[in-house]
Amino acid sequence: MLEKQLVGQKAVEYIEEGMIVGLGTGSTVNIVLRELGNKVKQGLKIHGVATSKFTEERALELHIPLIDVADIDHIDIMIDGADEANDQFNLIKGAKGALLREKMIATSSTHFVVVIGEQKYVHKLGAFPLPVEIVPYAWKVTIRQVERLGCRVTLRMSESDIPFITDNGNYIIDCHFNHIEEPSVLSTQINAIPGVVDNGLFVDMADTMIIGKADGKIEIKEK
């Protein structure tokens, strides 16, 4: 929790008056939202763009003003977590199932700040299963084609033992590759499969990584 608190507080320092801020999804971003809510209460004027229904609800609870992404032509900064990140500024995201909206906001942002704990900073991606969003229609066919890329695939289930449904009405499959040698190539291969909406590889998108450490220090890496 200390690591998340540290990186959350640091990330909010990048937000300036008048900015449009992409708000990611996840436990570390919850701390960012809380810190940002305090800043708004103190008079900071910004607008947030939520990447999930959960984030939207949390932001509104904290009185962070939101704006629809369809109503703007740019996003100044995006702050989000990651399930894995490497020294090439490549990420795996999607543990919370919001990868599609997160990627749409990230690619629309001038500055993408990633907040993680040191255990998520890895030499090579892939130990964390890669989430892939797929359409429900003929999902087993899509899984078989993804498996041909050399992974073991599981359909993500909800707590009620039915398929997990994203905010976009799709399924998530988790792809166990163990090691991903070429993230850019793999991302292209996965997205070329009919039935795939998008995957959780964020290749060369991050600009800043704020890494929290167990000893109470943070490390900042800039692209």
Protein backbone atom coordinates (compact mmCIF):
# COMPACT_ATOMS: atom_id res chain seq x y z
CA MET A 1 0.00 0.00 0.00
CA LEU A 2 2.91 2.37 0.74
CA GLU A 3 4.22 1.97 -2.81
CA LYS A 4 0.82 2.81 -4.30
CA GLN A 5 0.44 5.81 -2.02
CA LEU A 6 3.84 7.16 -3.05
CA VAL A 7 3.37 6.80 -6.80
CA GLY A 8 -0.22 8.06 -6.63
CA GLN A 9 0.83 11.25 -4.88
CA LYS A 10 3.73 11.78 -7.29
CA ALA A 11 1.57 11.25 -10.37
CA VAL A 12 -0.86 13.98 -9.34
CA GLU A 13 2.04 16.45 -9.37
CA TYR A 14 2.05 16.15 -13.17
CA ILE A 15 -1.50 17.50 -13.38
CA GLU A 16 -1.79 21.25 -13.96
CA GLU A 17 -4.59 23.79 -13.96
CA GLY A 18 -6.96 23.47 -16.90
CA MET A 19 -5.78 20.04 -18.03
CA ILE A 20 -7.95 17.30 -19.46
CA VAL A 21 -6.86 14.16 -17.61
CA GLY A 22 -7.32 10.55 -18.69
CA LEU A 23 -8.18 8.51 -15.61
CA GLY A 24 -7.17 4.86 -15.72
CA THR A 25 -8.60 1.88 -13.88
CA GLY A 26 -7.23 -0.13 -10.95
CA SER A 27 -6.14 -0.04 -7.33
CA THR A 28 -3.24 2.37 -7.80
CA VAL A 29 -5.40 4.72 -9.84
CA ASN A 30 -7.89 4.71 -6.98
CA ILE A 31 -5.23 6.45 -4.92
CA VAL A 32 -4.58 8.89 -7.77
CA LEU A 33 -8.30 9.65 -7.85
CA ARG A 34 -8.38 10.28 -4.12
CA GLU A 35 -5.40 12.63 -4.32
CA LEU A 36 -6.86 14.39 -7.35
CA GLY A 37 -10.20 14.74 -5.59
CA ASN A 38 -8.44 16.55 -2.74
CA LYS A 39 -6.76 18.89 -5.23
CA VAL A 40 -10.10 19.65 -6.88
CA LYS A 41 -11.60 20.37 -3.48
CA GLN A 42 -8.76 22.84 -2.91
CA GLY A 43 -9.58 24.66 -6.14
CA LEU A 44 -7.74 22.85 -8.97
CA LYS A 45 -9.78 23.13 -12.15
CA ILE A 46 -9.46 20.13 -14.46
CA HIS A 47 -11.70 17.73 -16.37
CA GLY A 48 -11.29 13.96 -16.22
CA VAL A 49 -11.97 11.33 -18.87
CA ALA A 50 -12.84 7.96 -17.33
CA THR A 51 -11.67 4.68 -18.87
CA SER A 52 -14.27 2.49 -17.16
CA LYS A 53 -17.65 2.67 -15.49
CA PHE A 54 -15.95 1.93 -12.16
CA THR A 55 -13.58 4.88 -12.55
CA GLU A 56 -16.44 7.12 -13.64
CA GLU A 57 -18.43 6.26 -10.51
CA ARG A 58 -15.43 6.74 -8.23
CA ALA A 59 -14.52 10.10 -9.82
CA LEU A 60 -18.05 11.39 -9.41
CA GLU A 61 -18.04 10.33 -5.75
CA LEU A 62 -14.91 12.47 -5.30
CA HIS A 63 -16.49 15.41 -7.19
CA ILE A 64 -13.95 15.24 -10.02
CA PRO A 65 -15.65 16.84 -13.04
CA LEU A 66 -15.83 14.50 -16.02
CA ILE A 67 -16.14 15.11 -19.73
CA ASP A 68 -17.08 12.70 -22.53
CA VAL A 69 -14.14 11.78 -24.75
CA ALA A 70 -16.38 12.33 -27.78
CA ASP A 71 -16.66 16.00 -26.86
CA ILE A 72 -12.93 16.82 -26.88
CA ASP A 73 -10.13 16.86 -29.44
CA HIS A 74 -7.21 16.16 -27.12
CA ILE A 75 -6.22 14.78 -23.71
CA ASP A 76 -3.30 16.46 -21.94
CA ILE A 77 -2.25 13.61 -19.68
CA MET A 78 -3.26 10.03 -18.94
CA ILE A 79 -2.44 8.38 -15.61
CA ASP A 80 -2.85 4.63 -15.32
CA GLY A 81 -1.33 1.53 -13.78
CA ALA A 82 0.06 -1.58 -15.48
CA ASP A 83 0.22 -5.29 -14.78
CA GLU A 84 3.76 -5.43 -16.17
CA ALA A 85 6.17 -2.86 -17.60
CA ASN A 86 9.68 -3.20 -19.02
CA ASP A 87 12.61 -0.92 -19.74
CA GLN A 88 11.43 -0.45 -23.33
CA PHE A 89 8.32 1.31 -21.98
CA ASN A 90 6.12 -1.57 -23.13
CA LEU A 91 3.22 -2.64 -20.91
CA ILE A 92 0.73 -5.41 -20.27
CA LYS A 93 -2.62 -4.07 -19.10
CA GLY A 94 -6.13 -5.40 -18.71
CA ALA A 95 -6.37 -7.14 -15.34
CA LYS A 96 -9.52 -5.11 -14.62
CA GLY A 97 -10.92 -5.66 -18.12
CA ALA A 98 -10.72 -2.03 -19.28
CA LEU A 99 -7.88 -2.42 -21.78
CA LEU A 100 -9.76 -1.18 -24.85
CA ARG A 101 -10.92 2.12 -23.36
CA GLU A 102 -7.56 2.55 -21.63
CA LYS A 103 -5.72 2.12 -24.93
CA MET A 104 -8.06 4.52 -26.72
CA ILE A 105 -7.44 7.21 -24.10
CA ALA A 106 -3.70 6.50 -23.91
CA THR A 107 -3.22 6.91 -27.65
CA SER A 108 -5.17 10.18 -27.55
CA SER A 109 -3.03 11.63 -24.75
CA THR A 110 -0.06 13.96 -25.09
CA HIS A 111 1.64 12.50 -21.98
CA PHE A 112 1.05 8.97 -20.66
CA VAL A 113 2.18 8.44 -17.05
CA VAL A 114 2.31 4.87 -15.71
CA VAL A 115 2.25 4.20 -11.96
CA ILE A 116 3.49 0.81 -10.72
CA GLY A 117 5.16 -0.97 -7.84
CA GLU A 118 8.67 -2.33 -8.38
CA GLN A 119 7.44 -5.94 -8.56
CA LYS A 120 5.67 -5.09 -11.81
CA TYR A 121 8.81 -3.70 -13.46
CA VAL A 122 10.26 -6.67 -15.35
CA HIS A 123 13.01 -7.42 -17.82
CA LYS A 124 10.70 -9.27 -20.21
CA LEU A 125 6.91 -9.20 -20.48
CA GLY A 126 4.77 -12.30 -20.33
CA ALA A 127 4.80 -13.75 -16.82
CA PHE A 128 1.47 -11.96 -16.36
CA PRO A 129 -1.16 -13.51 -18.69
CA LEU A 130 -1.94 -11.18 -21.59
CA PRO A 131 -5.59 -10.06 -21.60
CA VAL A 132 -7.31 -9.95 -24.98
CA GLU A 133 -10.81 -8.56 -25.56
CA ILE A 134 -12.87 -10.61 -28.00
CA VAL A 135 -16.45 -10.56 -29.28
CA PRO A 136 -18.76 -13.20 -27.76
CA TYR A 137 -19.80 -14.56 -31.15
CA ALA A 138 -17.93 -17.80 -31.94
CA TRP A 139 -15.52 -17.12 -29.08
CA LYS A 140 -14.19 -20.68 -29.09
CA VAL A 141 -13.10 -20.22 -32.71
CA THR A 142 -11.24 -17.05 -31.73
CA ILE A 143 -9.53 -18.84 -28.83
CA ARG A 144 -8.31 -21.65 -31.09
CA GLN A 145 -6.75 -19.14 -33.46
CA VAL A 146 -5.06 -17.23 -30.64
CA GLU A 147 -3.67 -20.50 -29.24
CA ARG A 148 -1.87 -21.07 -32.55
CA LEU A 149 0.40 -18.18 -31.58
CA GLY A 150 1.90 -20.39 -28.87
CA CYS A 151 -0.02 -19.71 -25.70
CA ARG A 152 -2.49 -21.36 -23.35
CA VAL A 153 -5.79 -19.46 -23.27
CA THR A 154 -8.48 -19.27 -20.60
CA LEU A 155 -11.81 -17.48 -20.81
CA ARG A 156 -12.09 -15.02 -17.92
CA MET A 157 -15.02 -15.79 -15.65
CA SER A 158 -16.93 -13.56 -13.24
CA GLU A 159 -17.53 -14.34 -9.57
CA SER A 160 -20.93 -15.77 -10.49
CA ASP A 161 -19.19 -18.34 -12.74
CA ILE A 162 -20.35 -16.83 -16.01
CA PRO A 163 -18.08 -15.15 -18.59
CA PHE A 164 -16.72 -11.77 -17.50
CA ILE A 165 -18.29 -9.01 -19.59
CA THR A 166 -16.38 -5.80 -20.34
CA ASP A 167 -17.96 -2.35 -20.32
CA ASN A 168 -18.14 -2.78 -24.11
CA GLY A 169 -20.16 -6.02 -23.90
CA ASN A 170 -17.29 -8.30 -24.87
CA TYR A 171 -15.37 -11.23 -23.34
CA ILE A 172 -11.81 -11.26 -22.04
CA ILE A 173 -9.43 -14.16 -22.63
CA ASP A 174 -6.18 -14.45 -20.69
CA CYS A 175 -3.25 -15.69 -22.77
CA HIS A 176 -0.36 -17.43 -21.00
CA PHE A 177 2.80 -16.85 -23.06
CA ASN A 178 5.33 -16.86 -20.16
CA HIS A 179 7.78 -14.78 -22.19
CA ILE A 180 6.97 -12.31 -24.95
CA GLU A 181 10.01 -11.75 -27.13
CA GLU A 182 8.59 -9.19 -29.56
CA PRO A 183 5.59 -7.32 -28.13
CA SER A 184 5.02 -5.24 -31.26
CA VAL A 185 4.93 -8.29 -33.55
CA LEU A 186 2.69 -10.26 -31.19
CA SER A 187 0.26 -7.37 -30.81
CA THR A 188 -0.13 -7.13 -34.59
CA GLN A 189 -0.61 -10.90 -34.92
CA ILE A 190 -3.30 -11.02 -32.25
CA ASN A 191 -5.22 -8.04 -33.59
CA ALA A 192 -5.25 -9.59 -37.08
CA ILE A 193 -7.40 -12.48 -35.83
CA PRO A 194 -11.12 -12.06 -36.64
CA GLY A 195 -13.08 -11.80 -33.40
CA VAL A 196 -10.33 -9.97 -31.54
CA VAL A 197 -11.23 -6.42 -30.52
CA ASP A 198 -7.84 -5.47 -29.05
CA ASN A 199 -5.15 -6.81 -26.76
CA GLY A 200 -3.45 -5.64 -23.57
CA LEU A 201 -0.02 -4.97 -25.05
CA PHE A 202 0.67 -1.24 -24.90
CA VAL A 203 3.73 -0.98 -27.11
CA ASP A 204 5.89 2.14 -26.86
CA MET A 205 3.01 4.24 -25.53
CA ALA A 206 4.20 5.21 -22.05
CA ASP A 207 6.16 8.44 -21.64
CA THR A 208 6.87 8.38 -17.90
CA MET A 209 6.99 5.49 -15.43
CA ILE A 210 6.75 6.19 -11.71
CA ILE A 211 7.94 3.12 -9.83
CA GLY A 212 7.24 2.76 -6.12
CA LYS A 213 9.67 0.74 -4.00
CA ALA A 214 9.20 -1.16 -0.76
CA ASP A 215 11.84 0.98 0.98
CA GLY A 216 9.66 4.07 0.57
CA LYS A 217 11.53 5.54 -2.40
CA ILE A 218 10.29 6.13 -5.92
CA GLU A 219 12.11 5.94 -9.23
CA ILE A 220 11.03 7.96 -12.24
CA LYS A 221 11.89 6.79 -15.75
CA GLU A 222 11.37 9.10 -18.71
CA LYS A 223 11.33 7.94 -22.31
